[in-house]
């Protein structure tokens, strides 16, 4: 079975899981006070802007790399 190609039209399908994992990590490490704060931090960050662009390949990064990226900007 052939793997579907990730394009700008479908990269958004990968984001909910990445955002959920990242929000959980921010909460666990005390970087966010609640889930709403964690999600706001993520969605307003330059990291999310890169994550939603297929050409940056940020969707390929694991949670540890994404967490470090967001920690660098908060």
PDB file of N, CA and C in Angstrom:
ATOM      1  N   UNK A   1       0.843  -1.184   0.000  1.00  0.00           N
ATOM      2  CA  UNK A   1       0.000   0.000   0.000  1.00  0.00           C
ATOM      3  C   UNK A   1       0.885   1.244   0.000  1.00  0.00           C
ATOM      4  N   UNK A   2       0.604   2.151  -0.900  1.00  0.00           N
ATOM      5  CA  UNK A   2       1.402   3.362  -1.044  1.00  0.00           C
ATOM      6  C   UNK A   2       1.012   4.396   0.014  1.00  0.00           C
ATOM      7  N   UNK A   3       2.026   5.015   0.643  1.00  0.00           N
ATOM      8  CA  UNK A   3       1.792   6.067   1.630  1.00  0.00           C
ATOM      9  C   UNK A   3       1.320   7.335   0.935  1.00  0.00           C
ATOM     10  N   UNK A   4       0.318   8.024   1.491  1.00  0.00           N
ATOM     11  CA  UNK A   4      -0.103   9.285   0.889  1.00  0.00           C
ATOM     12  C   UNK A   4       0.990  10.341   1.046  1.00  0.00           C
ATOM     13  N   UNK A   5       1.090  11.208   0.083  1.00  0.00           N
ATOM     14  CA  UNK A   5       2.078  12.281   0.119  1.00  0.00           C
ATOM     15  C   UNK A   5       1.537  13.446   0.947  1.00  0.00           C
ATOM     16  N   UNK A   6       2.393  13.994   1.816  1.00  0.00           N
ATOM     17  CA  UNK A   6       2.015  15.159   2.603  1.00  0.00           C
ATOM     18  C   UNK A   6       2.188  16.398   1.731  1.00  0.00           C
ATOM     19  N   UNK A   7       1.106  17.157   1.620  1.00  0.00           N
ATOM     20  CA  UNK A   7       1.104  18.382   0.826  1.00  0.00           C
ATOM     21  C   UNK A   7       0.528  19.512   1.677  1.00  0.00           C
ATOM     22  N   UNK A   8       0.565  20.719   1.158  1.00  0.00           N
ATOM     23  CA  UNK A   8      -0.030  21.848   1.876  1.00  0.00           C
ATOM     24  C   UNK A   8      -1.534  21.645   2.070  1.00  0.00           C
ATOM     25  N   UNK A   9      -2.144  20.910   1.166  1.00  0.00           N
ATOM     26  CA  UNK A   9      -3.580  20.662   1.267  1.00  0.00           C
ATOM     27  C   UNK A   9      -3.966  19.667   2.364  1.00  0.00           C
ATOM     28  N   UNK A  10      -3.038  18.825   2.794  1.00  0.00           N
ATOM     29  CA  UNK A  10      -3.399  17.834   3.810  1.00  0.00           C
ATOM     30  C   UNK A  10      -2.547  17.878   5.079  1.00  0.00           C
ATOM     31  N   UNK A  11      -1.572  18.755   5.150  1.00  0.00           N
ATOM     32  CA  UNK A  11      -0.704  18.817   6.331  1.00  0.00           C
ATOM     33  C   UNK A  11      -1.510  19.123   7.596  1.00  0.00           C
ATOM     34  N   UNK A  12      -2.626  19.833   7.452  1.00  0.00           N
ATOM     35  CA  UNK A  12      -3.458  20.169   8.607  1.00  0.00           C
ATOM     36  C   UNK A  12      -3.977  18.923   9.335  1.00  0.00           C
ATOM     37  N   UNK A  13      -4.029  17.805   8.664  1.00  0.00           N
ATOM     38  CA  UNK A  13      -4.494  16.570   9.295  1.00  0.00           C
ATOM     39  C   UNK A  13      -3.521  16.056  10.360  1.00  0.00           C
ATOM     40  N   UNK A  14      -2.275  16.461  10.275  1.00  0.00           N
ATOM     41  CA  UNK A  14      -1.260  16.020  11.224  1.00  0.00           C
ATOM     42  C   UNK A  14      -1.181  16.907  12.466  1.00  0.00           C
ATOM     43  N   UNK A  15      -1.750  18.084  12.400  1.00  0.00           N
ATOM     44  CA  UNK A  15      -1.555  19.077  13.450  1.00  0.00           C
ATOM     45  C   UNK A  15      -2.269  18.810  14.773  1.00  0.00           C
ATOM     46  N   UNK A  16      -3.502  18.313  14.797  1.00  0.00           N
ATOM     47  CA  UNK A  16      -4.156  18.126  16.092  1.00  0.00           C
ATOM     48  C   UNK A  16      -3.366  17.255  17.071  1.00  0.00           C
ATOM     49  N   UNK A  17      -2.812  16.164  16.592  1.00  0.00           N
ATOM     50  CA  UNK A  17      -2.036  15.291  17.469  1.00  0.00           C
ATOM     51  C   UNK A  17      -0.772  15.987  17.973  1.00  0.00           C
ATOM     52  N   UNK A  18      -0.091  16.692  17.088  1.00  0.00           N
ATOM     53  CA  UNK A  18       1.131  17.414  17.479  1.00  0.00           C
ATOM     54  C   UNK A  18       0.808  18.492  18.513  1.00  0.00           C
ATOM     55  N   UNK A  19      -0.262  19.243  18.276  1.00  0.00           N
ATOM     56  CA  UNK A  19      -0.655  20.315  19.196  1.00  0.00           C
ATOM     57  C   UNK A  19      -1.055  19.727  20.550  1.00  0.00           C
ATOM     58  N   UNK A  20      -1.800  18.643  20.552  1.00  0.00           N
ATOM     59  CA  UNK A  20      -2.213  18.014  21.808  1.00  0.00           C
ATOM     60  C   UNK A  20      -1.009  17.545  22.615  1.00  0.00           C
ATOM     61  N   UNK A  21      -0.053  16.913  21.951  1.00  0.00           N
ATOM     62  CA  UNK A  21       1.149  16.445  22.644  1.00  0.00           C
ATOM     63  C   UNK A  21       1.957  17.621  23.186  1.00  0.00           C
ATOM     64  N   UNK A  22       2.070  18.661  22.395  1.00  0.00           N
ATOM     65  CA  UNK A  22       2.839  19.828  22.803  1.00  0.00           C
ATOM     66  C   UNK A  22       2.158  20.545  23.966  1.00  0.00           C
ATOM     67  N   UNK A  23       0.846  20.679  23.920  1.00  0.00           N
ATOM     68  CA  UNK A  23       0.107  21.305  25.021  1.00  0.00           C
ATOM     69  C   UNK A  23       0.280  20.495  26.300  1.00  0.00           C
ATOM     70  N   UNK A  24       0.208  19.189  26.183  1.00  0.00           N
ATOM     71  CA  UNK A  24       0.406  18.318  27.346  1.00  0.00           C
ATOM     72  C   UNK A  24       1.800  18.504  27.940  1.00  0.00           C
ATOM     73  N   UNK A  25       2.794  18.593  27.089  1.00  0.00           N
ATOM     74  CA  UNK A  25       4.167  18.784  27.563  1.00  0.00           C
ATOM     75  C   UNK A  25       4.319  20.134  28.266  1.00  0.00           C
ATOM     76  N   UNK A  26       3.724  21.181  27.707  1.00  0.00           N
ATOM     77  CA  UNK A  26       3.780  22.504  28.337  1.00  0.00           C
ATOM     78  C   UNK A  26       3.126  22.484  29.713  1.00  0.00           C
ATOM     79  N   UNK A  27       2.023  21.768  29.831  1.00  0.00           N
ATOM     80  CA  UNK A  27       1.345  21.649  31.127  1.00  0.00           C
ATOM     81  C   UNK A  27       2.168  20.840  32.118  1.00  0.00           C
ATOM     82  N   UNK A  28       2.686  19.707  31.679  1.00  0.00           N
ATOM     83  CA  UNK A  28       3.471  18.837  32.557  1.00  0.00           C
ATOM     84  C   UNK A  28       4.704  19.539  33.106  1.00  0.00           C
ATOM     85  N   UNK A  29       5.318  20.362  32.273  1.00  0.00           N
ATOM     86  CA  UNK A  29       6.556  21.018  32.682  1.00  0.00           C
ATOM     87  C   UNK A  29       6.323  22.369  33.345  1.00  0.00           C
ATOM     88  N   UNK A  30       5.070  22.732  33.542  1.00  0.00           N
ATOM     89  CA  UNK A  30       4.754  23.966  34.245  1.00  0.00           C
ATOM     90  C   UNK A  30       4.939  25.234  33.425  1.00  0.00           C
ATOM     91  N   UNK A  31       5.015  25.096  32.118  1.00  0.00           N
ATOM     92  CA  UNK A  31       5.185  26.258  31.255  1.00  0.00           C
ATOM     93  C   UNK A  31       3.858  26.960  30.980  1.00  0.00           C
ATOM     94  N   UNK A  32       2.755  26.267  31.195  1.00  0.00           N
ATOM     95  CA  UNK A  32       1.421  26.824  30.988  1.00  0.00           C
ATOM     96  C   UNK A  32       0.585  26.524  32.223  1.00  0.00           C
ATOM     97  N   UNK A  33      -0.298  27.459  32.562  1.00  0.00           N
ATOM     98  CA  UNK A  33      -1.096  27.286  33.785  1.00  0.00           C
ATOM     99  C   UNK A  33      -2.328  26.405  33.594  1.00  0.00           C
ATOM    100  N   UNK A  34      -2.836  26.351  32.354  1.00  0.00           N
ATOM    101  CA  UNK A  34      -3.979  25.491  32.045  1.00  0.00           C
ATOM    102  C   UNK A  34      -3.980  25.195  30.550  1.00  0.00           C
ATOM    103  N   UNK A  35      -4.919  24.373  30.123  1.00  0.00           N
ATOM    104  CA  UNK A  35      -4.938  23.950  28.723  1.00  0.00           C
ATOM    105  C   UNK A  35      -5.196  25.125  27.786  1.00  0.00           C
ATOM    106  N   UNK A  36      -6.045  26.050  28.181  1.00  0.00           N
ATOM    107  CA  UNK A  36      -6.325  27.211  27.332  1.00  0.00           C
ATOM    108  C   UNK A  36      -5.061  28.038  27.139  1.00  0.00           C
ATOM    109  N   UNK A  37      -4.305  28.218  28.206  1.00  0.00           N
ATOM    110  CA  UNK A  37      -3.049  28.958  28.127  1.00  0.00           C
ATOM    111  C   UNK A  37      -2.046  28.231  27.241  1.00  0.00           C
ATOM    112  N   UNK A  38      -1.960  26.919  27.380  1.00  0.00           N
ATOM    113  CA  UNK A  38      -1.033  26.129  26.563  1.00  0.00           C
ATOM    114  C   UNK A  38      -1.387  26.234  25.085  1.00  0.00           C
ATOM    115  N   UNK A  39      -2.668  26.119  24.772  1.00  0.00           N
ATOM    116  CA  UNK A  39      -3.093  26.210  23.373  1.00  0.00           C
ATOM    117  C   UNK A  39      -2.858  27.601  22.799  1.00  0.00           C
ATOM    118  N   UNK A  40      -3.101  28.626  23.596  1.00  0.00           N
ATOM    119  CA  UNK A  40      -2.833  29.994  23.146  1.00  0.00           C
ATOM    120  C   UNK A  40      -1.356  30.177  22.856  1.00  0.00           C
ATOM    121  N   UNK A  41      -0.512  29.658  23.743  1.00  0.00           N
ATOM    122  CA  UNK A  41       0.933  29.748  23.543  1.00  0.00           C
ATOM    123  C   UNK A  41       1.342  29.082  22.227  1.00  0.00           C
ATOM    124  N   UNK A  42       0.766  27.939  21.953  1.00  0.00           N
ATOM    125  CA  UNK A  42       1.117  27.189  20.747  1.00  0.00           C
ATOM    126  C   UNK A  42       0.610  27.897  19.496  1.00  0.00           C
ATOM    127  N   UNK A  43      -0.687  28.204  19.482  1.00  0.00           N
ATOM    128  CA  UNK A  43      -1.294  28.746  18.262  1.00  0.00           C
ATOM    129  C   UNK A  43      -0.807  30.151  17.906  1.00  0.00           C
ATOM    130  N   UNK A  44      -0.296  30.885  18.870  1.00  0.00           N
ATOM    131  CA  UNK A  44       0.211  32.233  18.585  1.00  0.00           C
ATOM    132  C   UNK A  44       1.724  32.252  18.383  1.00  0.00           C
ATOM    133  N   UNK A  45       2.347  31.111  18.447  1.00  0.00           N
ATOM    134  CA  UNK A  45       3.804  31.050  18.342  1.00  0.00           C
ATOM    135  C   UNK A  45       4.284  30.946  16.897  1.00  0.00           C
ATOM    136  N   UNK A  46       5.513  31.383  16.646  1.00  0.00           N
ATOM    137  CA  UNK A  46       6.099  31.176  15.328  1.00  0.00           C
ATOM    138  C   UNK A  46       6.295  29.690  15.016  1.00  0.00           C
ATOM    139  N   UNK A  47       6.361  28.882  16.039  1.00  0.00           N
ATOM    140  CA  UNK A  47       6.509  27.437  15.847  1.00  0.00           C
ATOM    141  C   UNK A  47       5.265  26.887  15.141  1.00  0.00           C
ATOM    142  N   UNK A  48       4.083  27.303  15.576  1.00  0.00           N
ATOM    143  CA  UNK A  48       2.866  26.828  14.916  1.00  0.00           C
ATOM    144  C   UNK A  48       2.785  27.338  13.490  1.00  0.00           C
ATOM    145  N   UNK A  49       3.185  28.574  13.278  1.00  0.00           N
ATOM    146  CA  UNK A  49       3.174  29.125  11.922  1.00  0.00           C
ATOM    147  C   UNK A  49       4.038  28.279  10.990  1.00  0.00           C
ATOM    148  N   UNK A  50       5.162  27.802  11.511  1.00  0.00           N
ATOM    149  CA  UNK A  50       6.028  26.932  10.708  1.00  0.00           C
ATOM    150  C   UNK A  50       5.429  25.531  10.581  1.00  0.00           C
ATOM    151  N   UNK A  51       4.805  25.068  11.649  1.00  0.00           N
ATOM    152  CA  UNK A  51       4.227  23.725  11.662  1.00  0.00           C
ATOM    153  C   UNK A  51       3.122  23.573  10.618  1.00  0.00           C
ATOM    154  N   UNK A  52       2.342  24.631  10.417  1.00  0.00           N
ATOM    155  CA  UNK A  52       1.240  24.514   9.459  1.00  0.00           C
ATOM    156  C   UNK A  52       1.659  24.729   8.007  1.00  0.00           C
ATOM    157  N   UNK A  53       2.926  24.998   7.776  1.00  0.00           N
ATOM    158  CA  UNK A  53       3.443  25.141   6.413  1.00  0.00           C
ATOM    159  C   UNK A  53       4.189  23.874   6.013  1.00  0.00           C
ATOM    160  N   UNK A  54       3.681  23.163   5.053  1.00  0.00           N
ATOM    161  CA  UNK A  54       4.288  21.893   4.643  1.00  0.00           C
ATOM    162  C   UNK A  54       5.748  22.063   4.243  1.00  0.00           C
ATOM    163  N   UNK A  55       6.069  23.163   3.578  1.00  0.00           N
ATOM    164  CA  UNK A  55       7.420  23.350   3.048  1.00  0.00           C
ATOM    165  C   UNK A  55       8.501  23.444   4.130  1.00  0.00           C
ATOM    166  N   UNK A  56       8.127  23.789   5.372  1.00  0.00           N
ATOM    167  CA  UNK A  56       9.127  23.868   6.452  1.00  0.00           C
ATOM    168  C   UNK A  56       9.500  22.491   6.981  1.00  0.00           C
ATOM    169  N   UNK A  57       8.628  21.527   6.737  1.00  0.00           N
ATOM    170  CA  UNK A  57       8.805  20.146   7.216  1.00  0.00           C
ATOM    171  C   UNK A  57       8.774  20.046   8.744  1.00  0.00           C
ATOM    172  N   UNK A  58       8.270  21.063   9.436  1.00  0.00           N
ATOM    173  CA  UNK A  58       8.150  20.996  10.891  1.00  0.00           C
ATOM    174  C   UNK A  58       7.198  19.881  11.318  1.00  0.00           C
ATOM    175  N   UNK A  59       6.259  19.519  10.455  1.00  0.00           N
ATOM    176  CA  UNK A  59       5.338  18.434  10.770  1.00  0.00           C
ATOM    177  C   UNK A  59       6.091  17.123  10.978  1.00  0.00           C
ATOM    178  N   UNK A  60       7.300  17.056  10.503  1.00  0.00           N
ATOM    179  CA  UNK A  60       8.126  15.863  10.623  1.00  0.00           C
ATOM    180  C   UNK A  60       8.799  15.776  11.999  1.00  0.00           C
ATOM    181  N   UNK A  61       8.927  16.915  12.687  1.00  0.00           N
ATOM    182  CA  UNK A  61       9.619  16.951  13.973  1.00  0.00           C
ATOM    183  C   UNK A  61       8.831  16.205  15.052  1.00  0.00           C
ATOM    184  N   UNK A  62       9.563  15.601  15.966  1.00  0.00           N
ATOM    185  CA  UNK A  62       8.951  14.937  17.103  1.00  0.00           C
ATOM    186  C   UNK A  62       8.601  15.934  18.186  1.00  0.00           C
ATOM    187  N   UNK A  63       7.905  15.449  19.206  1.00  0.00           N
ATOM    188  CA  UNK A  63       7.438  16.319  20.277  1.00  0.00           C
ATOM    189  C   UNK A  63       8.587  16.971  21.038  1.00  0.00           C
ATOM    190  N   UNK A  64       9.689  16.268  21.232  1.00  0.00           N
ATOM    191  CA  UNK A  64      10.817  16.854  21.957  1.00  0.00           C
ATOM    192  C   UNK A  64      11.407  18.048  21.210  1.00  0.00           C
ATOM    193  N   UNK A  65      11.566  17.918  19.919  1.00  0.00           N
ATOM    194  CA  UNK A  65      12.105  19.011  19.111  1.00  0.00           C
ATOM    195  C   UNK A  65      11.133  20.188  19.069  1.00  0.00           C
ATOM    196  N   UNK A  66       9.849  19.901  18.915  1.00  0.00           N
ATOM    197  CA  UNK A  66       8.851  20.970  18.893  1.00  0.00           C
ATOM    198  C   UNK A  66       8.784  21.686  20.240  1.00  0.00           C
ATOM    199  N   UNK A  67       8.857  20.924  21.322  1.00  0.00           N
ATOM    200  CA  UNK A  67       8.844  21.524  22.655  1.00  0.00           C
ATOM    201  C   UNK A  67      10.043  22.444  22.831  1.00  0.00           C
ATOM    202  N   UNK A  68      11.206  22.008  22.427  1.00  0.00           N
ATOM    203  CA  UNK A  68      12.394  22.843  22.561  1.00  0.00           C
ATOM    204  C   UNK A  68      12.260  24.108  21.728  1.00  0.00           C
ATOM    205  N   UNK A  69      11.721  23.982  20.539  1.00  0.00           N
ATOM    206  CA  UNK A  69      11.506  25.145  19.663  1.00  0.00           C
ATOM    207  C   UNK A  69      10.582  26.162  20.336  1.00  0.00           C
ATOM    208  N   UNK A  70       9.493  25.677  20.914  1.00  0.00           N
ATOM    209  CA  UNK A  70       8.550  26.611  21.529  1.00  0.00           C
ATOM    210  C   UNK A  70       9.121  27.193  22.816  1.00  0.00           C
ATOM    211  N   UNK A  71       9.898  26.431  23.541  1.00  0.00           N
ATOM    212  CA  UNK A  71      10.552  26.948  24.755  1.00  0.00           C
ATOM    213  C   UNK A  71      11.518  28.078  24.410  1.00  0.00           C
ATOM    214  N   UNK A  72      12.125  28.005  23.249  1.00  0.00           N
ATOM    215  CA  UNK A  72      13.073  29.034  22.837  1.00  0.00           C
ATOM    216  C   UNK A  72      12.402  30.374  22.543  1.00  0.00           C
ATOM    217  N   UNK A  73      11.083  30.356  22.274  1.00  0.00           N
ATOM    218  CA  UNK A  73      10.387  31.597  21.925  1.00  0.00           C
ATOM    219  C   UNK A  73       9.438  32.111  23.016  1.00  0.00           C
ATOM    220  N   UNK A  74       9.249  31.327  24.074  1.00  0.00           N
ATOM    221  CA  UNK A  74       8.367  31.822  25.138  1.00  0.00           C
ATOM    222  C   UNK A  74       9.161  32.385  26.299  1.00  0.00           C
TER     223      UNK A  74
END
